[in-house]
Each structure stands twice: as structure tokens, then as C-alpha cells.
Amino acid sequence: MTEYFAIITISKPTNNGTAAIQGTFTCTMRVGAGTTRSAIYEHVLKTIPHQFQGGNVMFFSAEPNRTPH
């Protein structure tokens, strides 16, 4: 298993589209060999606060953070 660090920035319109809230969230997770970047992305989307669900993804990155020795 490899530990990954993920970061995502979400922007979501509010006030009938006249404003927006934006947030950047991070997490680490252990994933098995063969886990896709898409699977990591889907996992990260499930962990963001409810008020940002359905927002626009402005940035996403998932990189190995630590590998077992």
C-alpha cells in the first residue's frame, strides 16, 4: 500500500449565482497497487463538506506521499 496526499479546490455559486464560496481541502489515504487516480478523485469528492458538494472543481492533485520500505 502507498500513502497518497490529495488536494482539491472547489468553487460553488451561491446567492442565485451572484457570489461563490470556495474551499481547498486536503487528505491523505492509503491505496493499494493498481488504484487509479480516478478512484482517488472519487474518494476525495466524498470527503468534502456538504456545502461544497456539486461545486466546480478548480484544482485537483494526488501524489504519492510515502511508500512502504
PDB file of N, CA and C in Angstrom:
ATOM      1  N   MET A   1       0.849  -1.186   0.000  1.00  0.00           N
ATOM      2  CA  MET A   1       0.000   0.000   0.000  1.00  0.00           C
ATOM      3  C   MET A   1       0.891   1.245   0.000  1.00  0.00           C
ATOM      4  N   THR A   2       0.422   2.235  -0.707  1.00  0.00           N
ATOM      5  CA  THR A   2       1.135   3.502  -0.800  1.00  0.00           C
ATOM      6  C   THR A   2       0.250   4.603  -0.234  1.00  0.00           C
ATOM      7  N   GLU A   3       0.848   5.496   0.530  1.00  0.00           N
ATOM      8  CA  GLU A   3       0.106   6.637   1.051  1.00  0.00           C
ATOM      9  C   GLU A   3       0.105   7.745   0.001  1.00  0.00           C
ATOM     10  N   TYR A   4      -1.065   8.314  -0.249  1.00  0.00           N
ATOM     11  CA  TYR A   4      -1.208   9.425  -1.190  1.00  0.00           C
ATOM     12  C   TYR A   4      -1.675  10.668  -0.451  1.00  0.00           C
ATOM     13  N   PHE A   5      -1.233  11.807  -0.931  1.00  0.00           N
ATOM     14  CA  PHE A   5      -1.701  13.107  -0.465  1.00  0.00           C
ATOM     15  C   PHE A   5      -2.532  13.705  -1.593  1.00  0.00           C
ATOM     16  N   ALA A   6      -3.731  14.145  -1.276  1.00  0.00           N
ATOM     17  CA  ALA A   6      -4.607  14.744  -2.287  1.00  0.00           C
ATOM     18  C   ALA A   6      -5.038  16.130  -1.837  1.00  0.00           C
ATOM     19  N   ILE A   7      -5.180  17.004  -2.811  1.00  0.00           N
ATOM     20  CA  ILE A   7      -5.662  18.363  -2.552  1.00  0.00           C
ATOM     21  C   ILE A   7      -6.677  18.710  -3.636  1.00  0.00           C
ATOM     22  N   ILE A   8      -7.756  19.362  -3.213  1.00  0.00           N
ATOM     23  CA  ILE A   8      -8.812  19.729  -4.159  1.00  0.00           C
ATOM     24  C   ILE A   8      -9.335  21.117  -3.789  1.00  0.00           C
ATOM     25  N   THR A   9      -9.595  21.922  -4.804  1.00  0.00           N
ATOM     26  CA  THR A   9     -10.207  23.230  -4.610  1.00  0.00           C
ATOM     27  C   THR A   9     -11.545  23.225  -5.341  1.00  0.00           C
ATOM     28  N   ILE A  10     -12.583  23.618  -4.611  1.00  0.00           N
ATOM     29  CA  ILE A  10     -13.951  23.619  -5.127  1.00  0.00           C
ATOM     30  C   ILE A  10     -14.505  25.044  -5.054  1.00  0.00           C
ATOM     31  N   SER A  11     -15.214  25.446  -6.087  1.00  0.00           N
ATOM     32  CA  SER A  11     -15.929  26.720  -6.092  1.00  0.00           C
ATOM     33  C   SER A  11     -17.397  26.415  -6.380  1.00  0.00           C
ATOM     34  N   LYS A  12     -18.277  27.003  -5.574  1.00  0.00           N
ATOM     35  CA  LYS A  12     -19.708  26.732  -5.760  1.00  0.00           C
ATOM     36  C   LYS A  12     -20.488  28.044  -5.725  1.00  0.00           C
ATOM     37  N   PRO A  13     -21.280  28.295  -6.770  1.00  0.00           N
ATOM     38  CA  PRO A  13     -22.095  29.513  -6.802  1.00  0.00           C
ATOM     39  C   PRO A  13     -23.091  29.547  -5.636  1.00  0.00           C
ATOM     40  N   THR A  14     -23.340  30.747  -5.126  1.00  0.00           N
ATOM     41  CA  THR A  14     -24.336  30.964  -4.070  1.00  0.00           C
ATOM     42  C   THR A  14     -25.142  32.213  -4.417  1.00  0.00           C
ATOM     43  N   ASN A  15     -26.134  32.503  -3.622  1.00  0.00           N
ATOM     44  CA  ASN A  15     -26.964  33.707  -3.798  1.00  0.00           C
ATOM     45  C   ASN A  15     -27.449  33.859  -5.237  1.00  0.00           C
ATOM     46  N   ASN A  16     -28.039  32.797  -5.763  1.00  0.00           N
ATOM     47  CA  ASN A  16     -28.570  32.813  -7.136  1.00  0.00           C
ATOM     48  C   ASN A  16     -27.511  33.170  -8.173  1.00  0.00           C
ATOM     49  N   GLY A  17     -26.280  32.734  -7.923  1.00  0.00           N
ATOM     50  CA  GLY A  17     -25.204  32.947  -8.889  1.00  0.00           C
ATOM     51  C   GLY A  17     -24.507  34.288  -8.782  1.00  0.00           C
ATOM     52  N   THR A  18     -24.862  35.104  -7.796  1.00  0.00           N
ATOM     53  CA  THR A  18     -24.226  36.415  -7.663  1.00  0.00           C
ATOM     54  C   THR A  18     -22.959  36.378  -6.822  1.00  0.00           C
ATOM     55  N   ALA A  19     -22.680  35.246  -6.197  1.00  0.00           N
ATOM     56  CA  ALA A  19     -21.478  35.089  -5.373  1.00  0.00           C
ATOM     57  C   ALA A  19     -21.050  33.624  -5.430  1.00  0.00           C
ATOM     58  N   ALA A  20     -19.937  33.334  -4.798  1.00  0.00           N
ATOM     59  CA  ALA A  20     -19.462  31.948  -4.760  1.00  0.00           C
ATOM     60  C   ALA A  20     -18.715  31.705  -3.458  1.00  0.00           C
ATOM     61  N   ILE A  21     -18.780  30.465  -3.003  1.00  0.00           N
ATOM     62  CA  ILE A  21     -17.930  30.047  -1.894  1.00  0.00           C
ATOM     63  C   ILE A  21     -16.834  29.179  -2.497  1.00  0.00           C
ATOM     64  N   GLN A  22     -15.679  29.242  -1.910  1.00  0.00           N
ATOM     65  CA  GLN A  22     -14.557  28.447  -2.415  1.00  0.00           C
ATOM     66  C   GLN A  22     -13.826  27.852  -1.228  1.00  0.00           C
ATOM     67  N   GLY A  23     -13.372  26.618  -1.395  1.00  0.00           N
ATOM     68  CA  GLY A  23     -12.623  25.955  -0.341  1.00  0.00           C
ATOM     69  C   GLY A  23     -11.576  25.027  -0.926  1.00  0.00           C
ATOM     70  N   THR A  24     -10.484  24.896  -0.205  1.00  0.00           N
ATOM     71  CA  THR A  24      -9.423  23.960  -0.569  1.00  0.00           C
ATOM     72  C   THR A  24      -9.304  22.949   0.557  1.00  0.00           C
ATOM     73  N   PHE A  25      -9.288  21.670   0.205  1.00  0.00           N
ATOM     74  CA  PHE A  25      -9.298  20.589   1.183  1.00  0.00           C
ATOM     75  C   PHE A  25      -8.182  19.603   0.871  1.00  0.00           C
ATOM     76  N   THR A  26      -7.618  19.037   1.913  1.00  0.00           N
ATOM     77  CA  THR A  26      -6.545  18.058   1.746  1.00  0.00           C
ATOM     78  C   THR A  26      -6.879  16.790   2.511  1.00  0.00           C
ATOM     79  N   CYS A  27      -6.283  15.692   2.075  1.00  0.00           N
ATOM     80  CA  CYS A  27      -6.404  14.444   2.816  1.00  0.00           C
ATOM     81  C   CYS A  27      -5.266  13.514   2.411  1.00  0.00           C
ATOM     82  N   THR A  28      -4.994  12.576   3.271  1.00  0.00           N
ATOM     83  CA  THR A  28      -4.058  11.504   2.951  1.00  0.00           C
ATOM     84  C   THR A  28      -4.821  10.198   3.035  1.00  0.00           C
ATOM     85  N   MET A  29      -4.411   9.245   2.223  1.00  0.00           N
ATOM     86  CA  MET A  29      -5.067   7.938   2.222  1.00  0.00           C
ATOM     87  C   MET A  29      -4.078   6.884   1.779  1.00  0.00           C
ATOM     88  N   ARG A  30      -4.309   5.673   2.204  1.00  0.00           N
ATOM     89  CA  ARG A  30      -3.502   4.541   1.749  1.00  0.00           C
ATOM     90  C   ARG A  30      -4.272   3.824   0.655  1.00  0.00           C
ATOM     91  N   VAL A  31      -3.585   3.579  -0.445  1.00  0.00           N
ATOM     92  CA  VAL A  31      -4.227   2.901  -1.569  1.00  0.00           C
ATOM     93  C   VAL A  31      -3.381   1.720  -1.997  1.00  0.00           C
ATOM     94  N   GLY A  32      -4.036   0.718  -2.524  1.00  0.00           N
ATOM     95  CA  GLY A  32      -3.353  -0.476  -2.985  1.00  0.00           C
ATOM     96  C   GLY A  32      -2.788  -0.303  -4.384  1.00  0.00           C
ATOM     97  N   ALA A  33      -1.925  -1.224  -4.745  1.00  0.00           N
ATOM     98  CA  ALA A  33      -1.355  -1.226  -6.092  1.00  0.00           C
ATOM     99  C   ALA A  33      -2.489  -1.304  -7.110  1.00  0.00           C
ATOM    100  N   GLY A  34      -2.383  -0.537  -8.152  1.00  0.00           N
ATOM    101  CA  GLY A  34      -3.397  -0.557  -9.200  1.00  0.00           C
ATOM    102  C   GLY A  34      -4.545   0.409  -8.986  1.00  0.00           C
ATOM    103  N   THR A  35      -4.576   1.109  -7.853  1.00  0.00           N
ATOM    104  CA  THR A  35      -5.628   2.099  -7.628  1.00  0.00           C
ATOM    105  C   THR A  35      -5.454   3.238  -8.621  1.00  0.00           C
ATOM    106  N   THR A  36      -6.531   3.636  -9.257  1.00  0.00           N
ATOM    107  CA  THR A  36      -6.449   4.681 -10.272  1.00  0.00           C
ATOM    108  C   THR A  36      -6.573   6.073  -9.657  1.00  0.00           C
ATOM    109  N   ARG A  37      -6.075   7.038 -10.390  1.00  0.00           N
ATOM    110  CA  ARG A  37      -6.220   8.440  -9.989  1.00  0.00           C
ATOM    111  C   ARG A  37      -7.705   8.800  -9.925  1.00  0.00           C
ATOM    112  N   SER A  38      -8.493   8.245 -10.819  1.00  0.00           N
ATOM    113  CA  SER A  38      -9.932   8.483 -10.827  1.00  0.00           C
ATOM    114  C   SER A  38     -10.582   7.989  -9.535  1.00  0.00           C
ATOM    115  N   ALA A  39     -10.171   6.835  -9.054  1.00  0.00           N
ATOM    116  CA  ALA A  39     -10.715   6.298  -7.801  1.00  0.00           C
ATOM    117  C   ALA A  39     -10.355   7.204  -6.626  1.00  0.00           C
ATOM    118  N   ILE A  40      -9.139   7.732  -6.630  1.00  0.00           N
ATOM    119  CA  ILE A  40      -8.725   8.661  -5.576  1.00  0.00           C
ATOM    120  C   ILE A  40      -9.579   9.925  -5.650  1.00  0.00           C
ATOM    121  N   TYR A  41      -9.783  10.447  -6.847  1.00  0.00           N
ATOM    122  CA  TYR A  41     -10.605  11.642  -7.061  1.00  0.00           C
ATOM    123  C   TYR A  41     -12.022  11.422  -6.525  1.00  0.00           C
ATOM    124  N   GLU A  42     -12.621  10.302  -6.867  1.00  0.00           N
ATOM    125  CA  GLU A  42     -13.982  10.000  -6.401  1.00  0.00           C
ATOM    126  C   GLU A  42     -14.032   9.914  -4.876  1.00  0.00           C
ATOM    127  N   HIS A  43     -13.007   9.331  -4.266  1.00  0.00           N
ATOM    128  CA  HIS A  43     -12.945   9.248  -2.801  1.00  0.00           C
ATOM    129  C   HIS A  43     -12.860  10.647  -2.190  1.00  0.00           C
ATOM    130  N   VAL A  44     -11.989  11.478  -2.740  1.00  0.00           N
ATOM    131  CA  VAL A  44     -11.817  12.833  -2.216  1.00  0.00           C
ATOM    132  C   VAL A  44     -13.119  13.625  -2.330  1.00  0.00           C
ATOM    133  N   LEU A  45     -13.825  13.501  -3.437  1.00  0.00           N
ATOM    134  CA  LEU A  45     -15.101  14.216  -3.596  1.00  0.00           C
ATOM    135  C   LEU A  45     -16.095  13.847  -2.498  1.00  0.00           C
ATOM    136  N   LYS A  46     -16.054  12.611  -2.045  1.00  0.00           N
ATOM    137  CA  LYS A  46     -16.977  12.163  -0.994  1.00  0.00           C
ATOM    138  C   LYS A  46     -16.611  12.724   0.376  1.00  0.00           C
ATOM    139  N   THR A  47     -15.389  13.227   0.530  1.00  0.00           N
ATOM    140  CA  THR A  47     -14.940  13.699   1.841  1.00  0.00           C
ATOM    141  C   THR A  47     -15.093  15.204   2.033  1.00  0.00           C
ATOM    142  N   ILE A  48     -15.442  15.943   0.980  1.00  0.00           N
ATOM    143  CA  ILE A  48     -15.547  17.396   1.127  1.00  0.00           C
ATOM    144  C   ILE A  48     -16.834  17.748   1.873  1.00  0.00           C
ATOM    145  N   PRO A  49     -16.844  18.898   2.559  1.00  0.00           N
ATOM    146  CA  PRO A  49     -18.045  19.300   3.295  1.00  0.00           C
ATOM    147  C   PRO A  49     -19.278  19.392   2.388  1.00  0.00           C
ATOM    148  N   HIS A  50     -20.423  19.131   2.976  1.00  0.00           N
ATOM    149  CA  HIS A  50     -21.693  19.073   2.238  1.00  0.00           C
ATOM    150  C   HIS A  50     -21.962  20.338   1.417  1.00  0.00           C
ATOM    151  N   GLN A  51     -21.656  21.505   1.976  1.00  0.00           N
ATOM    152  CA  GLN A  51     -21.990  22.744   1.265  1.00  0.00           C
ATOM    153  C   GLN A  51     -21.202  22.924  -0.034  1.00  0.00           C
ATOM    154  N   PHE A  52     -20.136  22.133  -0.222  1.00  0.00           N
ATOM    155  CA  PHE A  52     -19.344  22.217  -1.447  1.00  0.00           C
ATOM    156  C   PHE A  52     -19.690  21.114  -2.451  1.00  0.00           C
ATOM    157  N   GLN A  53     -20.514  20.151  -2.032  1.00  0.00           N
ATOM    158  CA  GLN A  53     -20.907  19.067  -2.931  1.00  0.00           C
ATOM    159  C   GLN A  53     -21.593  19.657  -4.162  1.00  0.00           C
ATOM    160  N   GLY A  54     -21.226  19.158  -5.328  1.00  0.00           N
ATOM    161  CA  GLY A  54     -21.818  19.641  -6.569  1.00  0.00           C
ATOM    162  C   GLY A  54     -21.177  20.901  -7.121  1.00  0.00           C
ATOM    163  N   GLY A  55     -20.126  21.389  -6.446  1.00  0.00           N
ATOM    164  CA  GLY A  55     -19.431  22.584  -6.925  1.00  0.00           C
ATOM    165  C   GLY A  55     -18.498  22.267  -8.082  1.00  0.00           C
ATOM    166  N   ASN A  56     -17.869  23.292  -8.596  1.00  0.00           N
ATOM    167  CA  ASN A  56     -16.930  23.155  -9.704  1.00  0.00           C
ATOM    168  C   ASN A  56     -15.525  22.879  -9.173  1.00  0.00           C
ATOM    169  N   VAL A  57     -14.899  21.851  -9.686  1.00  0.00           N
ATOM    170  CA  VAL A  57     -13.529  21.529  -9.282  1.00  0.00           C
ATOM    171  C   VAL A  57     -12.593  22.469 -10.030  1.00  0.00           C
ATOM    172  N   MET A  58     -11.869  23.279  -9.274  1.00  0.00           N
ATOM    173  CA  MET A  58     -10.939  24.233  -9.864  1.00  0.00           C
ATOM    174  C   MET A  58      -9.523  23.654  -9.935  1.00  0.00           C
ATOM    175  N   PHE A  59      -9.218  22.747  -9.000  1.00  0.00           N
ATOM    176  CA  PHE A  59      -7.882  22.148  -8.945  1.00  0.00           C
ATOM    177  C   PHE A  59      -7.985  20.815  -8.234  1.00  0.00           C
ATOM    178  N   PHE A  60      -7.222  19.837  -8.722  1.00  0.00           N
ATOM    179  CA  PHE A  60      -7.116  18.543  -8.057  1.00  0.00           C
ATOM    180  C   PHE A  60      -5.728  17.984  -8.307  1.00  0.00           C
ATOM    181  N   SER A  61      -5.128  17.441  -7.256  1.00  0.00           N
ATOM    182  CA  SER A  61      -3.836  16.777  -7.389  1.00  0.00           C
ATOM    183  C   SER A  61      -3.789  15.625  -6.397  1.00  0.00           C
ATOM    184  N   ALA A  62      -3.224  14.517  -6.830  1.00  0.00           N
ATOM    185  CA  ALA A  62      -2.999  13.358  -5.953  1.00  0.00           C
ATOM    186  C   ALA A  62      -1.606  12.833  -6.260  1.00  0.00           C
ATOM    187  N   GLU A  63      -0.767  12.812  -5.247  1.00  0.00           N
ATOM    188  CA  GLU A  63       0.628  12.404  -5.425  1.00  0.00           C
ATOM    189  C   GLU A  63       1.022  11.423  -4.331  1.00  0.00           C
ATOM    190  N   PRO A  64       1.917  10.496  -4.647  1.00  0.00           N
ATOM    191  CA  PRO A  64       2.427   9.616  -3.592  1.00  0.00           C
ATOM    192  C   PRO A  64       3.059  10.458  -2.486  1.00  0.00           C
ATOM    193  N   ASN A  65       2.719  10.140  -1.264  1.00  0.00           N
ATOM    194  CA  ASN A  65       3.228  10.868  -0.112  1.00  0.00           C
ATOM    195  C   ASN A  65       4.307  10.064   0.602  1.00  0.00           C
ATOM    196  N   ARG A  66       4.092   8.765   0.657  1.00  0.00           N
ATOM    197  CA  ARG A  66       5.035   7.891   1.354  1.00  0.00           C
ATOM    198  C   ARG A  66       4.868   6.485   0.800  1.00  0.00           C
ATOM    199  N   THR A  67       5.948   5.824   0.556  1.00  0.00           N
ATOM    200  CA  THR A  67       5.898   4.437   0.102  1.00  0.00           C
ATOM    201  C   THR A  67       6.474   3.541   1.185  1.00  0.00           C
ATOM    202  N   PRO A  68       5.959   2.339   1.314  1.00  0.00           N
ATOM    203  CA  PRO A  68       6.482   1.429   2.341  1.00  0.00           C
ATOM    204  C   PRO A  68       7.906   1.007   2.004  1.00  0.00           C
ATOM    205  N   HIS A  69       8.673   0.758   3.038  1.00  0.00           N
ATOM    206  CA  HIS A  69      10.065   0.316   2.853  1.00  0.00           C
ATOM    207  C   HIS A  69      10.204  -1.138   3.212  1.00  0.00           C
TER     208      HIS A  69
END
